[in-house]
Amino acid sequence: MTATRGNYWQSQARAATAAGLEAHIYVPHGNSAEKNAAMRAFGGQLTEFGGDFEAAKAEAMRVAAQDGLHPVPPFHLELARGVATYAYELLTAAPHLDTVYVPIGCGSGICGTILARNALGLKTKVVGVVADTAQAAMLSVAAGKLVETGPTATFADGVAVRVPVAEAYEIYATGGGMDCVGQ
């Protein structure tokens, strides 16, 4: 049981189906029709709920607790380690890159990039990018604590979060060595 805008849950739906499990996925109303179709094609059972990611996530966690289902968070360190493989490939192929720009949603991409950079011992700057209407990560880094924002209307749906994930924030803002966040 989880909530998503559809990026990594396409693979999760496929993995659950291959393992003989059900993937119950909550998405907000108006979510990408293409991503919804892909999650369904991989066996995901979608429920549309709420007007944004946070509302869908809250409902998914509520239903998981109520029905005794295993909740899967939108960020987990093991997920970030898996996502780090693309940054590892990039940074291994181009170790002299000065700067890498990574969008920040729930944090797996930015954290994976930081983990790969650090594992390779590189000095590449990692810059987090947010949408001008979804600035929770940027505002949180500037404030030195988690900051919740209002609605996050943006076509860049993968970054449309109102509250940073605390575990990811700890990596990219305080201990991971991200150089800055901007729009």
Protein backbone atom coordinates (compact mmCIF):
# COMPACT_ATOMS: atom_id res chain seq x y z
CA MET A 1 0.00 0.00 0.00
CA THR A 2 1.42 3.35 -0.99
CA ALA A 3 0.83 6.69 -2.64
CA THR A 4 2.68 8.07 -5.63
CA ARG A 5 2.58 10.32 -8.65
CA GLY A 6 3.68 7.26 -10.61
CA ASN A 7 7.40 7.38 -11.11
CA TYR A 8 8.95 4.57 -9.10
CA TRP A 9 5.66 2.79 -8.47
CA GLN A 10 5.57 1.54 -12.02
CA SER A 11 8.49 -0.72 -11.12
CA GLN A 12 7.01 -1.54 -7.72
CA ALA A 13 3.73 -2.66 -9.30
CA ARG A 14 5.66 -4.87 -11.70
CA ALA A 15 7.77 -6.36 -8.89
CA ALA A 16 4.75 -7.01 -6.68
CA THR A 17 2.90 -8.74 -9.52
CA ALA A 18 5.95 -10.88 -10.35
CA ALA A 19 6.15 -11.90 -6.68
CA GLY A 20 2.45 -12.80 -6.59
CA LEU A 21 1.57 -9.82 -4.41
CA GLU A 22 -0.94 -7.03 -4.85
CA ALA A 23 0.21 -3.43 -5.20
CA HIS A 24 -2.44 -1.05 -3.86
CA ILE A 25 -1.53 2.42 -5.06
CA TYR A 26 -3.18 5.74 -4.22
CA VAL A 27 -2.76 8.64 -6.62
CA PRO A 28 -4.29 12.11 -6.46
CA HIS A 29 -7.21 13.02 -8.71
CA GLY A 30 -5.87 14.44 -11.96
CA ASN A 31 -2.69 12.35 -11.83
CA SER A 32 -0.94 11.63 -15.13
CA ALA A 33 -3.17 9.36 -17.20
CA GLU A 34 -0.07 7.84 -18.81
CA LYS A 35 1.54 7.01 -15.47
CA ASN A 36 -1.74 5.60 -14.15
CA ALA A 37 -2.06 3.41 -17.26
CA ALA A 38 1.52 2.19 -16.85
CA MET A 39 1.00 1.28 -13.17
CA ARG A 40 -2.19 -0.58 -14.07
CA ALA A 41 -0.45 -2.37 -16.95
CA PHE A 42 2.18 -3.61 -14.48
CA GLY A 43 -0.57 -4.93 -12.19
CA GLY A 44 -1.06 -2.00 -9.82
CA GLN A 45 -4.51 -1.51 -8.29
CA LEU A 46 -5.06 2.24 -8.38
CA THR A 47 -7.35 4.36 -6.26
CA GLU A 48 -7.66 8.07 -6.94
CA PHE A 49 -7.97 10.14 -3.78
CA GLY A 50 -7.52 13.78 -2.86
CA GLY A 51 -6.22 16.76 -4.72
CA ASP A 52 -2.49 16.22 -4.25
CA PHE A 53 0.20 13.74 -3.28
CA GLU A 54 -0.01 14.46 0.46
CA ALA A 55 -3.76 13.76 0.57
CA ALA A 56 -3.32 10.52 -1.37
CA LYS A 57 -0.43 9.48 0.91
CA ALA A 58 -2.39 10.17 4.10
CA GLU A 59 -5.32 8.10 2.85
CA ALA A 60 -3.07 5.24 1.72
CA MET A 61 -1.41 5.08 5.15
CA ARG A 62 -4.81 5.27 6.88
CA VAL A 63 -6.22 2.40 4.80
CA ALA A 64 -3.04 0.34 5.25
CA ALA A 65 -3.34 0.64 9.05
CA GLN A 66 -7.08 -0.04 8.98
CA ASP A 67 -6.83 -3.10 6.72
CA GLY A 68 -3.56 -4.52 8.07
CA LEU A 69 -1.67 -3.96 4.83
CA HIS A 70 2.05 -3.26 4.64
CA PRO A 71 2.60 0.47 4.05
CA VAL A 72 5.43 1.38 1.70
CA PRO A 73 6.78 4.89 2.26
CA PRO A 74 7.53 7.25 -0.64
CA PHE A 75 11.19 7.35 0.46
CA HIS A 76 13.41 4.65 1.90
CA LEU A 77 17.19 4.52 2.09
CA GLU A 78 17.24 1.24 0.16
CA LEU A 79 15.25 2.92 -2.61
CA ALA A 80 17.78 5.77 -2.69
CA ARG A 81 20.60 3.23 -2.94
CA GLY A 82 18.87 1.61 -5.90
CA VAL A 83 18.26 4.95 -7.56
CA ALA A 84 21.94 5.76 -6.98
CA THR A 85 22.81 3.35 -9.77
CA TYR A 86 21.95 5.91 -12.46
CA ALA A 87 24.05 8.58 -10.76
CA TYR A 88 26.87 6.08 -10.30
CA GLU A 89 26.80 5.29 -14.02
CA LEU A 90 26.72 8.98 -14.93
CA LEU A 91 29.49 9.99 -12.54
CA THR A 92 31.66 7.01 -13.47
CA ALA A 93 31.33 7.91 -17.16
CA ALA A 94 31.88 11.64 -16.53
CA PRO A 95 33.84 12.01 -13.26
CA HIS A 96 34.92 15.56 -14.09
CA LEU A 97 31.41 17.02 -14.12
CA ASP A 98 31.39 20.22 -12.13
CA THR A 99 27.66 20.23 -11.31
CA VAL A 100 24.69 17.85 -11.48
CA TYR A 101 21.14 19.21 -11.19
CA VAL A 102 18.57 16.87 -9.67
CA PRO A 103 14.85 17.52 -9.10
CA ILE A 104 13.64 17.04 -5.53
CA GLY A 105 10.30 15.36 -4.89
CA CYS A 106 10.30 12.79 -2.11
CA GLY A 107 14.08 12.67 -2.28
CA SER A 108 15.26 9.36 -3.75
CA GLY A 109 16.91 10.96 -6.80
CA ILE A 110 18.80 13.68 -4.95
CA CYS A 111 19.83 11.32 -2.14
CA GLY A 112 20.91 8.63 -4.61
CA THR A 113 23.02 11.16 -6.49
CA ILE A 114 24.66 12.36 -3.28
CA LEU A 115 25.34 8.77 -2.18
CA ALA A 116 26.94 7.93 -5.55
CA ARG A 117 29.03 11.10 -5.60
CA ASN A 118 30.24 10.45 -2.07
CA ALA A 119 30.97 6.77 -2.76
CA LEU A 120 33.11 7.77 -5.74
CA GLY A 121 34.92 10.43 -3.70
CA LEU A 122 34.10 13.14 -6.24
CA LYS A 123 33.75 16.87 -5.69
CA THR A 124 30.85 17.25 -8.13
CA LYS A 125 28.33 19.79 -6.87
CA VAL A 126 24.84 18.35 -6.44
CA VAL A 127 22.17 21.02 -6.85
CA GLY A 128 18.57 20.24 -5.96
CA VAL A 129 15.89 21.72 -8.19
CA VAL A 130 12.30 22.52 -7.22
CA ALA A 131 9.37 24.02 -9.12
CA ASP A 132 8.43 27.60 -8.35
CA THR A 133 5.05 26.33 -7.11
CA ALA A 134 6.49 23.40 -5.11
CA GLN A 135 9.24 24.87 -2.96
CA ALA A 136 9.00 22.78 0.23
CA ALA A 137 12.52 21.36 -0.09
CA MET A 138 14.11 24.73 -0.83
CA LEU A 139 12.25 26.47 1.99
CA SER A 140 13.13 23.66 4.39
CA VAL A 141 16.84 23.81 3.59
CA ALA A 142 16.79 27.60 4.02
CA ALA A 143 14.93 27.33 7.35
CA GLY A 144 17.01 24.45 8.68
CA LYS A 145 13.86 22.45 9.43
CA LEU A 146 10.94 20.88 7.59
CA VAL A 147 8.57 23.45 6.13
CA GLU A 148 5.11 22.61 4.81
CA THR A 149 3.79 24.64 1.89
CA GLY A 150 0.36 25.08 0.38
CA PRO A 151 -0.91 23.57 -2.88
CA THR A 152 1.73 22.46 -5.35
CA ALA A 153 0.24 22.92 -8.80
CA THR A 154 2.99 22.14 -11.33
CA PHE A 155 3.27 20.09 -14.50
CA ALA A 156 6.43 18.61 -12.94
CA ASP A 157 4.31 16.22 -10.88
CA GLY A 158 7.25 14.25 -9.49
CA VAL A 159 8.32 17.29 -7.46
CA ALA A 160 4.82 18.31 -6.36
CA VAL A 161 5.13 17.67 -2.62
CA ARG A 162 4.03 19.98 0.17
CA VAL A 163 6.23 18.49 2.90
CA PRO A 164 9.74 17.07 2.44
CA VAL A 165 10.28 13.49 3.58
CA ALA A 166 12.23 13.81 6.84
CA GLU A 167 14.65 10.92 6.15
CA ALA A 168 15.54 12.33 2.73
CA TYR A 169 15.83 15.85 4.10
CA GLU A 170 18.40 14.63 6.63
CA ILE A 171 20.57 13.39 3.77
CA TYR A 172 20.26 16.24 1.30
CA ALA A 173 20.08 19.15 3.72
CA THR A 174 22.17 18.31 6.70
CA GLY A 175 24.48 15.37 6.20
CA GLY A 176 24.68 14.64 2.51
CA GLY A 177 26.60 17.50 1.09
CA MET A 178 24.11 19.01 -1.37
CA ASP A 179 25.41 22.35 -2.50
CA CYS A 180 22.15 24.29 -2.91
CA VAL A 181 18.51 24.15 -3.87
CA GLY A 182 16.90 26.44 -6.41
CA GLN A 183 14.01 26.84 -8.80
